[in-house]
C-alpha atoms as a PDB file:
ATOM      1  CA  UNK A   1     120.969 250.535 169.998  1.00  0.00           C
ATOM      2  CA  UNK A   2     122.287 252.703 167.064  1.00  0.00           C
ATOM      3  CA  UNK A   3     123.945 255.614 168.776  1.00  0.00           C
ATOM      4  CA  UNK A   4     123.582 258.753 166.391  1.00  0.00           C
ATOM      5  CA  UNK A   5     126.973 260.666 166.623  1.00  0.00           C
ATOM      6  CA  UNK A   6     127.001 264.143 166.167  1.00  0.00           C
ATOM      7  CA  UNK A   7     123.355 264.524 167.422  1.00  0.00           C
ATOM      8  CA  UNK A   8     122.974 267.046 170.315  1.00  0.00           C
ATOM      9  CA  UNK A   9     122.465 265.079 173.778  1.00  0.00           C
ATOM     10  CA  UNK A  10     120.287 268.197 174.969  1.00  0.00           C
ATOM     11  CA  UNK A  11     119.049 271.546 174.314  1.00  0.00           C
ATOM     12  CA  UNK A  12     122.056 273.986 175.675  1.00  0.00           C
ATOM     13  CA  UNK A  13     121.646 275.442 179.092  1.00  0.00           C
ATOM     14  CA  UNK A  14     118.910 273.147 179.950  1.00  0.00           C
ATOM     15  CA  UNK A  15     117.933 269.720 180.870  1.00  0.00           C
ATOM     16  CA  UNK A  16     115.971 268.936 178.254  1.00  0.00           C
ATOM     17  CA  UNK A  17     117.362 265.702 176.967  1.00  0.00           C
ATOM     18  CA  UNK A  18     117.589 264.744 173.211  1.00  0.00           C
ATOM     19  CA  UNK A  19     119.333 261.489 173.392  1.00  0.00           C
ATOM     20  CA  UNK A  20     120.064 258.701 176.026  1.00  0.00           C
ATOM     21  CA  UNK A  21     123.082 257.158 176.866  1.00  0.00           C
ATOM     22  CA  UNK A  22     122.661 253.354 177.089  1.00  0.00           C
ATOM     23  CA  UNK A  23     119.775 250.957 176.202  1.00  0.00           C
ATOM     24  CA  UNK A  24     117.042 250.272 178.921  1.00  0.00           C
ATOM     25  CA  UNK A  25     117.736 246.685 180.055  1.00  0.00           C
ATOM     26  CA  UNK A  26     113.918 246.201 180.436  1.00  0.00           C
ATOM     27  CA  UNK A  27     113.268 247.196 176.665  1.00  0.00           C
ATOM     28  CA  UNK A  28     112.909 250.511 174.866  1.00  0.00           C
ATOM     29  CA  UNK A  29     110.371 252.924 176.231  1.00  0.00           C
ATOM     30  CA  UNK A  30     107.447 253.003 173.942  1.00  0.00           C
ATOM     31  CA  UNK A  31     106.905 255.992 171.774  1.00  0.00           C
ATOM     32  CA  UNK A  32     103.476 257.610 171.647  1.00  0.00           C
ATOM     33  CA  UNK A  33     101.706 260.710 170.589  1.00  0.00           C
ATOM     34  CA  UNK A  34     101.595 263.491 173.488  1.00  0.00           C
ATOM     35  CA  UNK A  35      99.152 266.318 173.368  1.00  0.00           C
ATOM     36  CA  UNK A  36     100.485 269.680 172.831  1.00  0.00           C
ATOM     37  CA  UNK A  37      98.328 272.132 174.635  1.00  0.00           C
ATOM     38  CA  UNK A  38      98.710 275.861 174.142  1.00  0.00           C
ATOM     39  CA  UNK A  39      99.887 276.616 177.538  1.00  0.00           C
ATOM     40  CA  UNK A  40     102.890 274.899 177.400  1.00  0.00           C
ATOM     41  CA  UNK A  41     106.002 276.712 178.730  1.00  0.00           C
ATOM     42  CA  UNK A  42     108.288 278.934 176.247  1.00  0.00           C
ATOM     43  CA  UNK A  43     111.293 276.557 177.244  1.00  0.00           C
ATOM     44  CA  UNK A  44     109.070 273.561 176.270  1.00  0.00           C
ATOM     45  CA  UNK A  45     108.426 275.212 172.888  1.00  0.00           C
ATOM     46  CA  UNK A  46     112.000 275.757 172.311  1.00  0.00           C
ATOM     47  CA  UNK A  47     112.905 272.410 173.325  1.00  0.00           C
ATOM     48  CA  UNK A  48     110.535 271.049 170.576  1.00  0.00           C
ATOM     49  CA  UNK A  49     112.067 273.598 168.249  1.00  0.00           C
ATOM     50  CA  UNK A  50     115.731 272.449 168.734  1.00  0.00           C
ATOM     51  CA  UNK A  51     114.923 268.864 168.654  1.00  0.00           C
ATOM     52  CA  UNK A  52     113.203 269.406 165.208  1.00  0.00           C
ATOM     53  CA  UNK A  53     115.920 271.374 163.726  1.00  0.00           C
ATOM     54  CA  UNK A  54     118.397 268.968 165.336  1.00  0.00           C
ATOM     55  CA  UNK A  55     116.441 265.996 163.387  1.00  0.00           C
ATOM     56  CA  UNK A  56     116.376 268.081 160.178  1.00  0.00           C
ATOM     57  CA  UNK A  57     120.031 269.240 160.294  1.00  0.00           C
ATOM     58  CA  UNK A  58     121.051 265.049 161.093  1.00  0.00           C
ATOM     59  CA  UNK A  59     118.601 263.215 158.896  1.00  0.00           C
ATOM     60  CA  UNK A  60     116.612 265.563 156.384  1.00  0.00           C
ATOM     61  CA  UNK A  61     113.908 263.674 154.458  1.00  0.00           C
ATOM     62  CA  UNK A  62     115.735 260.240 154.988  1.00  0.00           C
ATOM     63  CA  UNK A  63     114.157 257.697 157.092  1.00  0.00           C
ATOM     64  CA  UNK A  64     116.134 257.341 160.360  1.00  0.00           C
ATOM     65  CA  UNK A  65     116.458 254.677 163.029  1.00  0.00           C
ATOM     66  CA  UNK A  66     115.148 255.772 166.670  1.00  0.00           C
ATOM     67  CA  UNK A  67     118.608 254.509 168.241  1.00  0.00           C
ATOM     68  CA  UNK A  68     119.410 256.487 171.175  1.00  0.00           C
ATOM     69  CA  UNK A  69     116.900 259.422 170.747  1.00  0.00           C
ATOM     70  CA  UNK A  70     114.943 260.155 173.538  1.00  0.00           C
ATOM     71  CA  UNK A  71     111.427 258.503 173.447  1.00  0.00           C
ATOM     72  CA  UNK A  72     109.863 261.368 175.732  1.00  0.00           C
ATOM     73  CA  UNK A  73     111.075 264.224 173.247  1.00  0.00           C
ATOM     74  CA  UNK A  74     110.386 262.023 170.174  1.00  0.00           C
ATOM     75  CA  UNK A  75     106.636 261.556 171.864  1.00  0.00           C
ATOM     76  CA  UNK A  76     105.973 265.406 171.883  1.00  0.00           C
ATOM     77  CA  UNK A  77     106.599 265.417 167.942  1.00  0.00           C
ATOM     78  CA  UNK A  78     105.203 261.717 167.275  1.00  0.00           C
ATOM     79  CA  UNK A  79     102.192 261.449 165.071  1.00  0.00           C
ATOM     80  CA  UNK A  80     102.406 264.763 163.654  1.00  0.00           C
ATOM     81  CA  UNK A  81     105.879 266.052 162.805  1.00  0.00           C
ATOM     82  CA  UNK A  82     107.615 262.751 163.154  1.00  0.00           C
ATOM     83  CA  UNK A  83     105.769 259.720 161.676  1.00  0.00           C
ATOM     84  CA  UNK A  84     106.734 256.048 161.258  1.00  0.00           C
ATOM     85  CA  UNK A  85     108.738 255.072 157.961  1.00  0.00           C
ATOM     86  CA  UNK A  86     106.966 251.795 157.399  1.00  0.00           C
ATOM     87  CA  UNK A  87     103.860 249.916 158.099  1.00  0.00           C
ATOM     88  CA  UNK A  88     105.894 247.553 160.319  1.00  0.00           C
ATOM     89  CA  UNK A  89     106.519 250.150 162.988  1.00  0.00           C
ATOM     90  CA  UNK A  90     107.219 248.786 166.675  1.00  0.00           C
ATOM     91  CA  UNK A  91     107.039 251.651 169.238  1.00  0.00           C
ATOM     92  CA  UNK A  92     108.736 249.869 171.708  1.00  0.00           C
ATOM     93  CA  UNK A  93     111.926 249.192 169.382  1.00  0.00           C
ATOM     94  CA  UNK A  94     115.236 250.769 169.308  1.00  0.00           C
ATOM     95  CA  UNK A  95     115.225 249.701 165.685  1.00  0.00           C
ATOM     96  CA  UNK A  96     112.091 251.377 164.518  1.00  0.00           C
ATOM     97  CA  UNK A  97     112.411 253.690 161.399  1.00  0.00           C
ATOM     98  CA  UNK A  98     111.007 257.260 161.626  1.00  0.00           C
ATOM     99  CA  UNK A  99     110.730 260.012 158.970  1.00  0.00           C
ATOM    100  CA  UNK A 100     109.777 263.591 159.283  1.00  0.00           C
ATOM    101  CA  UNK A 101     106.519 264.708 157.905  1.00  0.00           C
ATOM    102  CA  UNK A 102     107.865 267.561 156.097  1.00  0.00           C
ATOM    103  CA  UNK A 103     104.639 269.663 155.346  1.00  0.00           C
ATOM    104  CA  UNK A 104     103.407 269.183 158.771  1.00  0.00           C
ATOM    105  CA  UNK A 105     106.752 270.061 160.467  1.00  0.00           C
ATOM    106  CA  UNK A 106     107.147 273.051 158.163  1.00  0.00           C
ATOM    107  CA  UNK A 107     103.702 274.297 159.350  1.00  0.00           C
ATOM    108  CA  UNK A 108     104.638 273.664 163.235  1.00  0.00           C
ATOM    109  CA  UNK A 109     108.029 274.861 163.226  1.00  0.00           C
ATOM    110  CA  UNK A 110     108.555 277.315 160.131  1.00  0.00           C
ATOM    111  CA  UNK A 111     111.479 279.106 161.810  1.00  0.00           C
ATOM    112  CA  UNK A 112     113.451 275.689 161.488  1.00  0.00           C
ATOM    113  CA  UNK A 113     113.105 275.456 157.913  1.00  0.00           C
ATOM    114  CA  UNK A 114     113.458 279.002 157.073  1.00  0.00           C
ATOM    115  CA  UNK A 115     116.255 279.428 154.360  1.00  0.00           C
ATOM    116  CA  UNK A 116     119.658 280.889 155.398  1.00  0.00           C
ATOM    117  CA  UNK A 117     119.376 284.591 154.367  1.00  0.00           C
ATOM    118  CA  UNK A 118     121.945 285.664 151.542  1.00  0.00           C
ATOM    119  CA  UNK A 119     124.533 288.223 152.704  1.00  0.00           C
ATOM    120  CA  UNK A 120     123.666 291.374 150.896  1.00  0.00           C
ATOM    121  CA  UNK A 121     127.130 292.772 149.047  1.00  0.00           C
ATOM    122  CA  UNK A 122     126.048 296.420 150.604  1.00  0.00           C
ATOM    123  CA  UNK A 123     126.078 294.910 154.154  1.00  0.00           C
ATOM    124  CA  UNK A 124     129.164 295.588 156.021  1.00  0.00           C
ATOM    125  CA  UNK A 125     128.784 292.894 158.697  1.00  0.00           C
ATOM    126  CA  UNK A 126     129.014 290.012 155.967  1.00  0.00           C
ATOM    127  CA  UNK A 127     132.890 289.828 156.195  1.00  0.00           C
END
């Protein structure tokens, strides 16, 4: 199992996990598309956005290996913002390749993809 060095392990200040420490000896947990209902808690929504931001910062538009990314957290985005990178996708493999579906991810999490604001020279806080 590939460990994504530098990828955040969890959402700071919460128990929302982004990565796992070690492979499950019984095999990888299956990734499947979970339904996101409108009444989800704000903390769940923040966790989804933070996970998407971490994926974007770490991988960008390139395909990436599932590795030690948490199957539960991936499942909240799978089939929409995160999709299989090829036709031979195995949802129960740590070696499975995924990619970000950029148009759908930008529509679902616009705050993650907003460009960094340019500092205004007249702004005193820029220094």
